[in-house]
Amino acid sequence: MKKAKKIDGNILRLLAIFVIILAVSGITKGTSFLNVGNLQSMAKTLTEYGLMAVGCGITMISGGIDLSTVYIANLCGILAGLTMNESSSSIVLAIIVALVVGALCGIFNGFLVSVLKIPAMLATLGTYQLYMGIAVVASKGSTVSGVTSFSSFAYMTVAGIPMPFIVFVLMIVVISFIMGKTKFGKRIHLVGTNEKASKFVGINTVSVLIRAYMLSGIVSAVAGLLSLSRINSAKADFGSSYTMQTILISVLGGINPDGGFGSIPGVAIAVLILQMLSSYLNMFPSISNYYRDLIWGVALIAVLIMNFTIEKRRMAKLSQK
């Protein structure tokens, strides 16, 4: 008889935090928080930076990081918007353009990291400036808008659930399967744990890293398309604050910044927690938006300290066995 698979302790902690915040929000704000309109608004908003965080999380598991996810999303959104404006019947073509550009951006990131051996943080810090610059040139420094035929997607619902959130869930399921059940996903974890050891067991680390960053780019492209649909526009510097949030969500979701460990479902739950907390704070006029970055910074440091402490205790227990 097979033993039941043990549930990840980090997932349980995240679920507990989610339930606590939901309960506190519901008790203190009642129906002003727990109403269909507010829940639908949260579901639509979180999909964009949530997917960017997933892209960042994939690369963190591989032992690197992708700081360019936000600007890949913006670039893909701008190019998709420009394509749609050329012809109202070119939505499918625009989606293909966005996905191809996202993949190419990811491949370039992976090339810099795996072939040229540039540290991932520096490589993607440089490419986010590059992609933002390309987006500025492509859009001529203005906002790309007028894609009304595509914007209706953001307001479509299935059984009251917004379509963007359904896309988000489907992406989480697909990426979770890739990372947890396929050889490619397991190799990403192995490379993130120890790249040199991975080479000795016959893993083509260059191929794995390039494909990991390519996957991050594709996920970011989907985020850009959803953003274009929701706000009916795209801009080169949109969501600049999302970069820190994607890192925060990835770490909060249990992904080890040193690579090798973490799960996509954990990132998904962390997205829900962050969006719910953000919406809850918005209901307090006395709390200025200027404090938001301060709160996220404190939260990131707190999570890093907690994860470090838990990992240290785990290693101490293993050494005693």
C-alpha atoms as a PDB file:
ATOM      1  CA  MET A   1       0.000   0.000   0.000  1.00  0.00           C
ATOM      2  CA  LYS A   2       1.391   3.383  -1.037  1.00  0.00           C
ATOM      3  CA  LYS A   3       1.919   6.033   1.589  1.00  0.00           C
ATOM      4  CA  ALA A   4      -0.079   9.237   1.229  1.00  0.00           C
ATOM      5  CA  LYS A   5       2.048  12.016  -0.175  1.00  0.00           C
ATOM      6  CA  LYS A   6       3.049  14.490   2.512  1.00  0.00           C
ATOM      7  CA  ILE A   7       1.706  17.985   1.960  1.00  0.00           C
ATOM      8  CA  ASP A   8       4.355  20.673   1.630  1.00  0.00           C
ATOM      9  CA  GLY A   9       4.701  22.468   4.958  1.00  0.00           C
ATOM     10  CA  ASN A  10       5.100  25.814   3.192  1.00  0.00           C
ATOM     11  CA  ILE A  11       1.790  25.304   1.369  1.00  0.00           C
ATOM     12  CA  LEU A  12       0.071  24.659   4.696  1.00  0.00           C
ATOM     13  CA  ARG A  13       1.576  27.818   6.192  1.00  0.00           C
ATOM     14  CA  LEU A  14       0.455  29.871   3.201  1.00  0.00           C
ATOM     15  CA  LEU A  15      -3.068  28.455   3.362  1.00  0.00           C
ATOM     16  CA  ALA A  16      -3.208  29.285   7.076  1.00  0.00           C
ATOM     17  CA  ILE A  17      -2.088  32.871   6.375  1.00  0.00           C
ATOM     18  CA  PHE A  18      -4.658  33.139   3.583  1.00  0.00           C
ATOM     19  CA  VAL A  19      -7.501  31.963   5.851  1.00  0.00           C
ATOM     20  CA  ILE A  20      -6.435  34.315   8.676  1.00  0.00           C
ATOM     21  CA  ILE A  21      -6.287  37.373   6.397  1.00  0.00           C
ATOM     22  CA  LEU A  22      -9.616  36.441   4.799  1.00  0.00           C
ATOM     23  CA  ALA A  23     -11.228  36.047   8.220  1.00  0.00           C
ATOM     24  CA  VAL A  24      -9.822  39.342   9.548  1.00  0.00           C
ATOM     25  CA  SER A  25     -10.882  41.180   6.375  1.00  0.00           C
ATOM     26  CA  GLY A  26     -14.363  39.715   6.495  1.00  0.00           C
ATOM     27  CA  ILE A  27     -14.831  40.464  10.206  1.00  0.00           C
ATOM     28  CA  THR A  28     -13.501  44.042  10.098  1.00  0.00           C
ATOM     29  CA  LYS A  29     -14.927  45.128   6.728  1.00  0.00           C
ATOM     30  CA  GLY A  30     -17.840  42.752   6.251  1.00  0.00           C
ATOM     31  CA  THR A  31     -19.707  42.931   2.965  1.00  0.00           C
ATOM     32  CA  SER A  32     -17.694  45.924   1.780  1.00  0.00           C
ATOM     33  CA  PHE A  33     -14.838  43.450   1.320  1.00  0.00           C
ATOM     34  CA  LEU A  34     -16.662  40.158   0.852  1.00  0.00           C
ATOM     35  CA  ASN A  35     -18.864  41.097  -2.079  1.00  0.00           C
ATOM     36  CA  VAL A  36     -18.960  39.784  -5.622  1.00  0.00           C
ATOM     37  CA  GLY A  37     -17.778  43.027  -7.224  1.00  0.00           C
ATOM     38  CA  ASN A  38     -14.710  43.349  -4.993  1.00  0.00           C
ATOM     39  CA  LEU A  39     -13.770  39.688  -5.357  1.00  0.00           C
ATOM     40  CA  GLN A  40     -14.087  39.886  -9.149  1.00  0.00           C
ATOM     41  CA  SER A  41     -11.952  43.034  -9.196  1.00  0.00           C
ATOM     42  CA  MET A  42      -9.234  41.301  -7.165  1.00  0.00           C
ATOM     43  CA  ALA A  43      -9.392  38.234  -9.410  1.00  0.00           C
ATOM     44  CA  LYS A  44      -8.842  40.359 -12.530  1.00  0.00           C
ATOM     45  CA  THR A  45      -6.061  42.493 -11.061  1.00  0.00           C
ATOM     46  CA  LEU A  46      -3.873  39.745  -9.597  1.00  0.00           C
ATOM     47  CA  THR A  47      -3.556  37.811 -12.852  1.00  0.00           C
ATOM     48  CA  GLU A  48      -1.013  40.174 -14.375  1.00  0.00           C
ATOM     49  CA  TYR A  49       1.641  40.472 -11.681  1.00  0.00           C
ATOM     50  CA  GLY A  50       0.754  36.943 -10.568  1.00  0.00           C
ATOM     51  CA  LEU A  51       1.909  35.509 -13.884  1.00  0.00           C
ATOM     52  CA  MET A  52       4.981  37.743 -13.850  1.00  0.00           C
ATOM     53  CA  ALA A  53       5.790  36.306 -10.414  1.00  0.00           C
ATOM     54  CA  VAL A  54       5.412  32.785 -11.802  1.00  0.00           C
ATOM     55  CA  GLY A  55       7.894  33.649 -14.550  1.00  0.00           C
ATOM     56  CA  CYS A  56      10.308  35.062 -11.995  1.00  0.00           C
ATOM     57  CA  GLY A  57       9.774  31.984  -9.817  1.00  0.00           C
ATOM     58  CA  ILE A  58      10.702  29.579 -12.620  1.00  0.00           C
ATOM     59  CA  THR A  59      14.047  31.289 -13.099  1.00  0.00           C
ATOM     60  CA  MET A  60      14.682  31.468  -9.347  1.00  0.00           C
ATOM     61  CA  ILE A  61      14.208  27.696  -9.121  1.00  0.00           C
ATOM     62  CA  SER A  62      16.820  27.365 -11.887  1.00  0.00           C
ATOM     63  CA  GLY A  63      19.292  29.229  -9.693  1.00  0.00           C
ATOM     64  CA  GLY A  64      18.904  32.641 -11.332  1.00  0.00           C
ATOM     65  CA  ILE A  65      16.336  35.416 -11.431  1.00  0.00           C
ATOM     66  CA  ASP A  66      14.422  37.350 -14.065  1.00  0.00           C
ATOM     67  CA  LEU A  67      14.037  41.047 -13.311  1.00  0.00           C
ATOM     68  CA  SER A  68      12.743  41.768 -16.811  1.00  0.00           C
ATOM     69  CA  THR A  69       9.360  40.015 -16.588  1.00  0.00           C
ATOM     70  CA  VAL A  70       7.441  43.284 -16.177  1.00  0.00           C
ATOM     71  CA  TYR A  71       9.075  44.872 -19.204  1.00  0.00           C
ATOM     72  CA  ILE A  72       8.726  41.767 -21.348  1.00  0.00           C
ATOM     73  CA  ALA A  73       5.009  41.927 -20.514  1.00  0.00           C
ATOM     74  CA  ASN A  74       4.842  45.621 -21.427  1.00  0.00           C
ATOM     75  CA  LEU A  75       6.716  45.108 -24.696  1.00  0.00           C
ATOM     76  CA  CYS A  76       4.480  42.191 -25.684  1.00  0.00           C
ATOM     77  CA  GLY A  77       1.368  44.177 -24.779  1.00  0.00           C
ATOM     78  CA  ILE A  78       2.513  47.149 -26.858  1.00  0.00           C
ATOM     79  CA  LEU A  79       3.355  45.031 -29.912  1.00  0.00           C
ATOM     80  CA  ALA A  80       0.067  43.166 -29.606  1.00  0.00           C
ATOM     81  CA  GLY A  81      -1.821  46.469 -29.351  1.00  0.00           C
ATOM     82  CA  LEU A  82      -0.042  47.905 -32.388  1.00  0.00           C
ATOM     83  CA  THR A  83      -0.824  44.744 -34.357  1.00  0.00           C
ATOM     84  CA  MET A  84      -4.502  44.955 -33.428  1.00  0.00           C
ATOM     85  CA  ASN A  85      -4.664  48.612 -34.380  1.00  0.00           C
ATOM     86  CA  GLU A  86      -3.402  47.743 -37.855  1.00  0.00           C
ATOM     87  CA  SER A  87      -6.411  45.516 -38.418  1.00  0.00           C
ATOM     88  CA  SER A  88      -9.421  44.898 -36.179  1.00  0.00           C
ATOM     89  CA  SER A  89      -9.479  41.254 -37.258  1.00  0.00           C
ATOM     90  CA  SER A  90      -5.879  40.518 -36.264  1.00  0.00           C
ATOM     91  CA  ILE A  91      -6.405  39.489 -32.621  1.00  0.00           C
ATOM     92  CA  VAL A  92      -5.075  35.968 -33.211  1.00  0.00           C
ATOM     93  CA  LEU A  93      -2.036  37.353 -35.032  1.00  0.00           C
ATOM     94  CA  ALA A  94      -1.456  39.844 -32.206  1.00  0.00           C
ATOM     95  CA  ILE A  95      -1.526  37.050 -29.609  1.00  0.00           C
ATOM     96  CA  ILE A  96       0.967  35.016 -31.668  1.00  0.00           C
ATOM     97  CA  VAL A  97       3.247  38.062 -32.018  1.00  0.00           C
ATOM     98  CA  ALA A  98       3.162  38.634 -28.249  1.00  0.00           C
ATOM     99  CA  LEU A  99       3.955  35.000 -27.418  1.00  0.00           C
ATOM    100  CA  VAL A 100       6.789  34.800 -29.975  1.00  0.00           C
ATOM    101  CA  VAL A 101       8.330  38.061 -28.738  1.00  0.00           C
ATOM    102  CA  GLY A 102       8.032  36.886 -25.132  1.00  0.00           C
ATOM    103  CA  ALA A 103       9.771  33.619 -26.018  1.00  0.00           C
ATOM    104  CA  LEU A 104      12.557  35.447 -27.885  1.00  0.00           C
ATOM    105  CA  CYS A 105      13.115  37.833 -24.973  1.00  0.00           C
ATOM    106  CA  GLY A 106      13.346  34.858 -22.625  1.00  0.00           C
ATOM    107  CA  ILE A 107      15.746  33.030 -24.936  1.00  0.00           C
ATOM    108  CA  PHE A 108      17.999  36.096 -25.047  1.00  0.00           C
ATOM    109  CA  ASN A 109      17.969  36.278 -21.237  1.00  0.00           C
ATOM    110  CA  GLY A 110      18.839  32.584 -21.069  1.00  0.00           C
ATOM    111  CA  PHE A 111      21.664  33.052 -23.592  1.00  0.00           C
ATOM    112  CA  LEU A 112      23.228  35.812 -21.504  1.00  0.00           C
ATOM    113  CA  VAL A 113      22.990  33.733 -18.326  1.00  0.00           C
ATOM    114  CA  SER A 114      23.895  30.245 -19.603  1.00  0.00           C
ATOM    115  CA  VAL A 115      26.259  30.882 -22.526  1.00  0.00           C
ATOM    116  CA  LEU A 116      27.951  34.183 -21.670  1.00  0.00           C
ATOM    117  CA  LYS A 117      27.819  33.358 -17.931  1.00  0.00           C
ATOM    118  CA  ILE A 118      26.641  36.834 -16.948  1.00  0.00           C
ATOM    119  CA  PRO A 119      25.097  36.772 -13.440  1.00  0.00           C
ATOM    120  CA  ALA A 120      21.331  36.513 -13.859  1.00  0.00           C
ATOM    121  CA  MET A 121      20.602  39.617 -11.804  1.00  0.00           C
ATOM    122  CA  LEU A 122      22.918  41.780 -13.920  1.00  0.00           C
ATOM    123  CA  ALA A 123      21.842  40.206 -17.203  1.00  0.00           C
ATOM    124  CA  THR A 124      18.119  40.702 -16.632  1.00  0.00           C
ATOM    125  CA  LEU A 125      18.681  44.126 -15.078  1.00  0.00           C
ATOM    126  CA  GLY A 126      20.276  45.106 -18.369  1.00  0.00           C
ATOM    127  CA  THR A 127      17.625  43.465 -20.536  1.00  0.00           C
ATOM    128  CA  TYR A 128      14.762  45.093 -18.663  1.00  0.00           C
ATOM    129  CA  GLN A 129      16.252  48.433 -19.696  1.00  0.00           C
ATOM    130  CA  LEU A 130      16.681  47.090 -23.231  1.00  0.00           C
ATOM    131  CA  TYR A 131      13.106  45.814 -23.491  1.00  0.00           C
ATOM    132  CA  MET A 132      11.730  49.022 -22.029  1.00  0.00           C
ATOM    133  CA  GLY A 133      13.765  50.989 -24.577  1.00  0.00           C
ATOM    134  CA  ILE A 134      12.444  48.872 -27.452  1.00  0.00           C
ATOM    135  CA  ALA A 135       8.913  49.379 -26.135  1.00  0.00           C
ATOM    136  CA  VAL A 136       9.419  53.160 -26.002  1.00  0.00           C
ATOM    137  CA  VAL A 137      10.695  53.205 -29.587  1.00  0.00           C
ATOM    138  CA  ALA A 138       7.892  50.923 -30.832  1.00  0.00           C
ATOM    139  CA  SER A 139       5.203  53.029 -29.147  1.00  0.00           C
ATOM    140  CA  LYS A 140       6.997  56.325 -29.898  1.00  0.00           C
ATOM    141  CA  GLY A 141       6.878  57.101 -26.213  1.00  0.00           C
ATOM    142  CA  SER A 142       3.085  57.194 -26.059  1.00  0.00           C
ATOM    143  CA  THR A 143       0.390  54.896 -24.745  1.00  0.00           C
ATOM    144  CA  VAL A 144      -0.933  52.275 -27.153  1.00  0.00           C
ATOM    145  CA  SER A 145      -4.715  52.141 -26.798  1.00  0.00           C
ATOM    146  CA  GLY A 146      -7.938  51.661 -28.720  1.00  0.00           C
ATOM    147  CA  VAL A 147      -8.015  47.855 -28.691  1.00  0.00           C
ATOM    148  CA  THR A 148     -11.696  47.748 -27.762  1.00  0.00           C
ATOM    149  CA  SER A 149     -12.316  44.485 -29.595  1.00  0.00           C
ATOM    150  CA  PHE A 150      -9.846  42.759 -27.266  1.00  0.00           C
ATOM    151  CA  SER A 151     -10.664  44.590 -24.045  1.00  0.00           C
ATOM    152  CA  SER A 152     -14.044  42.874 -23.780  1.00  0.00           C
ATOM    153  CA  PHE A 153     -12.205  39.649 -22.845  1.00  0.00           C
ATOM    154  CA  ALA A 154     -11.303  41.069 -19.424  1.00  0.00           C
ATOM    155  CA  TYR A 155     -14.997  41.560 -18.602  1.00  0.00           C
ATOM    156  CA  MET A 156     -16.167  38.123 -19.689  1.00  0.00           C
ATOM    157  CA  THR A 157     -17.128  35.730 -16.891  1.00  0.00           C
ATOM    158  CA  VAL A 158     -17.882  32.043 -16.530  1.00  0.00           C
ATOM    159  CA  ALA A 159     -20.204  31.294 -13.591  1.00  0.00           C
ATOM    160  CA  GLY A 160     -19.254  34.713 -12.207  1.00  0.00           C
ATOM    161  CA  ILE A 161     -15.519  34.024 -12.457  1.00  0.00           C
ATOM    162  CA  PRO A 162     -13.589  36.537 -14.623  1.00  0.00           C
ATOM    163  CA  MET A 163     -11.933  35.031 -17.692  1.00  0.00           C
ATOM    164  CA  PRO A 164      -8.486  36.502 -16.823  1.00  0.00           C
ATOM    165  CA  PHE A 165      -8.563  34.608 -13.533  1.00  0.00           C
ATOM    166  CA  ILE A 166      -9.521  31.403 -15.354  1.00  0.00           C
ATOM    167  CA  VAL A 167      -6.509  31.926 -17.661  1.00  0.00           C
ATOM    168  CA  PHE A 168      -4.356  32.475 -14.562  1.00  0.00           C
ATOM    169  CA  VAL A 169      -5.546  29.209 -12.993  1.00  0.00           C
ATOM    170  CA  LEU A 170      -4.996  27.294 -16.229  1.00  0.00           C
ATOM    171  CA  MET A 171      -1.470  28.702 -16.514  1.00  0.00           C
ATOM    172  CA  ILE A 172      -0.743  27.707 -12.907  1.00  0.00           C
ATOM    173  CA  VAL A 173      -1.947  24.151 -13.601  1.00  0.00           C
ATOM    174  CA  VAL A 174       0.132  23.855 -16.786  1.00  0.00           C
ATOM    175  CA  ILE A 175       3.317  25.347 -15.292  1.00  0.00           C
ATOM    176  CA  SER A 176       2.906  23.256 -12.109  1.00  0.00           C
ATOM    177  CA  PHE A 177       2.696  20.136 -14.272  1.00  0.00           C
ATOM    178  CA  ILE A 178       5.756  21.142 -16.297  1.00  0.00           C
ATOM    179  CA  MET A 179       7.818  21.952 -13.203  1.00  0.00           C
ATOM    180  CA  GLY A 180       6.686  18.998 -11.105  1.00  0.00           C
ATOM    181  CA  LYS A 181       5.953  16.122 -13.475  1.00  0.00           C
ATOM    182  CA  THR A 182       8.201  16.463 -16.536  1.00  0.00           C
ATOM    183  CA  LYS A 183      11.895  15.728 -17.047  1.00  0.00           C
ATOM    184  CA  PHE A 184      12.421  19.329 -18.069  1.00  0.00           C
ATOM    185  CA  GLY A 185      10.953  20.634 -14.804  1.00  0.00           C
ATOM    186  CA  LYS A 186      12.986  18.224 -12.697  1.00  0.00           C
ATOM    187  CA  ARG A 187      16.125  19.241 -14.558  1.00  0.00           C
ATOM    188  CA  ILE A 188      15.406  22.897 -13.777  1.00  0.00           C
ATOM    189  CA  HIS A 189      15.338  21.962 -10.083  1.00  0.00           C
ATOM    190  CA  LEU A 190      18.561  19.943 -10.410  1.00  0.00           C
ATOM    191  CA  VAL A 191      20.393  22.733 -12.235  1.00  0.00           C
ATOM    192  CA  GLY A 192      19.214  25.199  -9.598  1.00  0.00           C
ATOM    193  CA  THR A 193      20.441  22.936  -6.814  1.00  0.00           C
ATOM    194  CA  ASN A 194      23.904  22.367  -8.286  1.00  0.00           C
ATOM    195  CA  GLU A 195      24.724  23.327 -11.859  1.00  0.00           C
ATOM    196  CA  LYS A 196      28.158  21.686 -11.883  1.00  0.00           C
ATOM    197  CA  ALA A 197      26.830  18.384 -10.559  1.00  0.00           C
ATOM    198  CA  SER A 198      24.066  18.507 -13.171  1.00  0.00           C
ATOM    199  CA  LYS A 199      26.680  18.634 -15.931  1.00  0.00           C
ATOM    200  CA  PHE A 200      28.386  15.529 -14.556  1.00  0.00           C
ATOM    201  CA  VAL A 201      25.162  13.508 -14.730  1.00  0.00           C
ATOM    202  CA  GLY A 202      24.711  14.407 -18.398  1.00  0.00           C
ATOM    203  CA  ILE A 203      22.276  17.328 -18.207  1.00  0.00           C
ATOM    204  CA  ASN A 204      22.691  19.996 -20.877  1.00  0.00           C
ATOM    205  CA  THR A 205      22.552  22.934 -18.477  1.00  0.00           C
ATOM    206  CA  VAL A 206      22.713  25.531 -21.251  1.00  0.00           C
ATOM    207  CA  SER A 207      19.608  24.088 -22.941  1.00  0.00           C
ATOM    208  CA  VAL A 208      17.752  23.792 -19.633  1.00  0.00           C
ATOM    209  CA  LEU A 209      18.470  27.383 -18.605  1.00  0.00           C
ATOM    210  CA  ILE A 210      17.601  28.842 -22.011  1.00  0.00           C
ATOM    211  CA  ARG A 211      14.287  26.966 -22.029  1.00  0.00           C
ATOM    212  CA  ALA A 212      13.578  28.012 -18.415  1.00  0.00           C
ATOM    213  CA  TYR A 213      14.010  31.687 -19.297  1.00  0.00           C
ATOM    214  CA  MET A 214      12.030  31.159 -22.505  1.00  0.00           C
ATOM    215  CA  LEU A 215       9.160  29.739 -20.436  1.00  0.00           C
ATOM    216  CA  SER A 216       9.390  32.776 -18.150  1.00  0.00           C
ATOM    217  CA  GLY A 217       9.185  35.043 -21.198  1.00  0.00           C
ATOM    218  CA  ILE A 218       6.098  33.261 -22.550  1.00  0.00           C
ATOM    219  CA  VAL A 219       4.332  33.506 -19.190  1.00  0.00           C
ATOM    220  CA  SER A 220       5.200  37.218 -19.063  1.00  0.00           C
ATOM    221  CA  ALA A 221       3.771  37.659 -22.565  1.00  0.00           C
ATOM    222  CA  VAL A 222       0.461  36.194 -21.397  1.00  0.00           C
ATOM    223  CA  ALA A 223       0.536  38.670 -18.493  1.00  0.00           C
ATOM    224  CA  GLY A 224       1.063  41.503 -20.992  1.00  0.00           C
ATOM    225  CA  LEU A 225      -1.917  40.362 -23.060  1.00  0.00           C
ATOM    226  CA  LEU A 226      -4.150  40.201 -19.979  1.00  0.00           C
ATOM    227  CA  SER A 227      -2.998  43.670 -18.921  1.00  0.00           C
ATOM    228  CA  LEU A 228      -3.755  45.030 -22.405  1.00  0.00           C
ATOM    229  CA  SER A 229      -7.224  43.530 -22.235  1.00  0.00           C
ATOM    230  CA  ARG A 230      -8.002  44.823 -18.732  1.00  0.00           C
ATOM    231  CA  ILE A 231      -6.935  48.460 -19.103  1.00  0.00           C
ATOM    232  CA  ASN A 232      -7.394  48.713 -22.883  1.00  0.00           C
ATOM    233  CA  SER A 233      -3.904  50.168 -23.249  1.00  0.00           C
ATOM    234  CA  ALA A 234      -0.208  49.396 -22.915  1.00  0.00           C
ATOM    235  CA  LYS A 235       2.717  51.589 -21.920  1.00  0.00           C
ATOM    236  CA  ALA A 236       6.470  50.982 -21.737  1.00  0.00           C
ATOM    237  CA  ASP A 237       6.797  51.806 -18.025  1.00  0.00           C
ATOM    238  CA  PHE A 238       3.489  50.385 -16.796  1.00  0.00           C
ATOM    239  CA  GLY A 239       3.679  48.449 -13.523  1.00  0.00           C
ATOM    240  CA  SER A 240       7.249  49.434 -12.671  1.00  0.00           C
ATOM    241  CA  SER A 241       6.532  48.631  -9.005  1.00  0.00           C
ATOM    242  CA  TYR A 242       5.609  45.076  -9.952  1.00  0.00           C
ATOM    243  CA  THR A 243       9.285  44.054 -10.162  1.00  0.00           C
ATOM    244  CA  MET A 244       9.707  44.044  -6.400  1.00  0.00           C
ATOM    245  CA  GLN A 245       6.311  42.412  -5.937  1.00  0.00           C
ATOM    246  CA  THR A 246       7.218  39.507  -8.226  1.00  0.00           C
ATOM    247  CA  ILE A 247      10.306  38.817  -6.113  1.00  0.00           C
ATOM    248  CA  LEU A 248       8.302  39.149  -2.897  1.00  0.00           C
ATOM    249  CA  ILE A 249       5.629  36.758  -4.159  1.00  0.00           C
ATOM    250  CA  SER A 250       8.188  34.192  -5.320  1.00  0.00           C
ATOM    251  CA  VAL A 251       9.975  34.183  -1.967  1.00  0.00           C
ATOM    252  CA  LEU A 252       6.713  34.242  -0.007  1.00  0.00           C
ATOM    253  CA  GLY A 253       5.567  31.304  -2.130  1.00  0.00           C
ATOM    254  CA  GLY A 254       8.459  29.245  -0.800  1.00  0.00           C
ATOM    255  CA  ILE A 255      10.952  29.487  -3.650  1.00  0.00           C
ATOM    256  CA  ASN A 256      14.542  29.414  -2.452  1.00  0.00           C
ATOM    257  CA  PRO A 257      16.444  32.453  -3.817  1.00  0.00           C
ATOM    258  CA  ASP A 258      19.523  30.221  -4.102  1.00  0.00           C
ATOM    259  CA  GLY A 259      17.639  27.918  -6.467  1.00  0.00           C
ATOM    260  CA  GLY A 260      16.622  24.273  -6.541  1.00  0.00           C
ATOM    261  CA  PHE A 261      13.569  24.418  -4.294  1.00  0.00           C
ATOM    262  CA  GLY A 262      10.048  25.822  -4.538  1.00  0.00           C
ATOM    263  CA  SER A 263       6.673  25.142  -6.070  1.00  0.00           C
ATOM    264  CA  ILE A 264       4.392  27.024  -8.433  1.00  0.00           C
ATOM    265  CA  PRO A 265       1.227  26.350  -6.344  1.00  0.00           C
ATOM    266  CA  GLY A 266       2.961  28.118  -3.454  1.00  0.00           C
ATOM    267  CA  VAL A 267       3.518  31.152  -5.690  1.00  0.00           C
ATOM    268  CA  ALA A 268      -0.176  31.086  -6.694  1.00  0.00           C
ATOM    269  CA  ILE A 269      -1.315  31.141  -3.057  1.00  0.00           C
ATOM    270  CA  ALA A 270       1.160  33.932  -2.301  1.00  0.00           C
ATOM    271  CA  VAL A 271      -0.388  35.964  -5.143  1.00  0.00           C
ATOM    272  CA  LEU A 272      -3.839  35.560  -3.599  1.00  0.00           C
ATOM    273  CA  ILE A 273      -2.509  36.608  -0.180  1.00  0.00           C
ATOM    274  CA  LEU A 274      -0.772  39.712  -1.511  1.00  0.00           C
ATOM    275  CA  GLN A 275      -3.770  40.835  -3.574  1.00  0.00           C
ATOM    276  CA  MET A 276      -6.169  40.301  -0.697  1.00  0.00           C
ATOM    277  CA  LEU A 277      -3.916  42.219   1.682  1.00  0.00           C
ATOM    278  CA  SER A 278      -3.513  45.039  -0.860  1.00  0.00           C
ATOM    279  CA  SER A 279      -7.278  45.322  -1.389  1.00  0.00           C
ATOM    280  CA  TYR A 280      -7.833  45.263   2.362  1.00  0.00           C
ATOM    281  CA  LEU A 281      -5.337  48.087   2.938  1.00  0.00           C
ATOM    282  CA  ASN A 282      -7.021  50.145   0.207  1.00  0.00           C
ATOM    283  CA  MET A 283     -10.133  50.244   2.397  1.00  0.00           C
ATOM    284  CA  PHE A 284      -8.316  52.344   5.000  1.00  0.00           C
ATOM    285  CA  PRO A 285      -8.092  55.966   3.747  1.00  0.00           C
ATOM    286  CA  SER A 286      -5.687  56.815   6.573  1.00  0.00           C
ATOM    287  CA  ILE A 287      -3.081  54.401   5.152  1.00  0.00           C
ATOM    288  CA  SER A 288      -1.335  56.281   2.358  1.00  0.00           C
ATOM    289  CA  ASN A 289      -0.190  54.534  -0.808  1.00  0.00           C
ATOM    290  CA  TYR A 290       3.258  55.894  -0.013  1.00  0.00           C
ATOM    291  CA  TYR A 291       3.477  53.294   2.757  1.00  0.00           C
ATOM    292  CA  ARG A 292       2.776  50.413   0.338  1.00  0.00           C
ATOM    293  CA  ASP A 293       6.389  49.905  -0.754  1.00  0.00           C
ATOM    294  CA  LEU A 294       7.491  50.133   2.874  1.00  0.00           C
ATOM    295  CA  ILE A 295       5.018  47.400   3.823  1.00  0.00           C
ATOM    296  CA  TRP A 296       6.143  45.140   0.947  1.00  0.00           C
ATOM    297  CA  GLY A 297       9.805  45.702   1.839  1.00  0.00           C
ATOM    298  CA  VAL A 298       9.227  44.770   5.488  1.00  0.00           C
ATOM    299  CA  ALA A 299       7.206  41.739   4.379  1.00  0.00           C
ATOM    300  CA  LEU A 300       9.990  40.572   2.041  1.00  0.00           C
ATOM    301  CA  ILE A 301      12.657  40.840   4.740  1.00  0.00           C
ATOM    302  CA  ALA A 302      10.392  39.084   7.256  1.00  0.00           C
ATOM    303  CA  VAL A 303       9.742  36.200   4.851  1.00  0.00           C
ATOM    304  CA  LEU A 304      13.461  35.876   4.079  1.00  0.00           C
ATOM    305  CA  ILE A 305      14.277  35.708   7.794  1.00  0.00           C
ATOM    306  CA  MET A 306      11.509  33.151   8.392  1.00  0.00           C
ATOM    307  CA  ASN A 307      12.581  30.946   5.478  1.00  0.00           C
ATOM    308  CA  PHE A 308      16.227  31.160   6.514  1.00  0.00           C
ATOM    309  CA  THR A 309      15.351  30.137  10.078  1.00  0.00           C
ATOM    310  CA  ILE A 310      13.193  27.226   8.909  1.00  0.00           C
ATOM    311  CA  GLU A 311      15.886  26.019   6.485  1.00  0.00           C
ATOM    312  CA  LYS A 312      18.563  26.274   9.179  1.00  0.00           C
ATOM    313  CA  ARG A 313      16.481  24.151  11.555  1.00  0.00           C
ATOM    314  CA  ARG A 314      15.793  21.607   8.808  1.00  0.00           C
ATOM    315  CA  MET A 315      19.489  21.243   8.013  1.00  0.00           C
ATOM    316  CA  ALA A 316      20.285  20.908  11.732  1.00  0.00           C
ATOM    317  CA  LYS A 317      17.770  18.053  12.049  1.00  0.00           C
ATOM    318  CA  LEU A 318      19.220  16.306   8.990  1.00  0.00           C
ATOM    319  CA  SER A 319      22.752  16.561  10.375  1.00  0.00           C
ATOM    320  CA  GLN A 320      21.627  14.911  13.627  1.00  0.00           C
ATOM    321  CA  LYS A 321      20.223  11.843  11.829  1.00  0.00           C
END
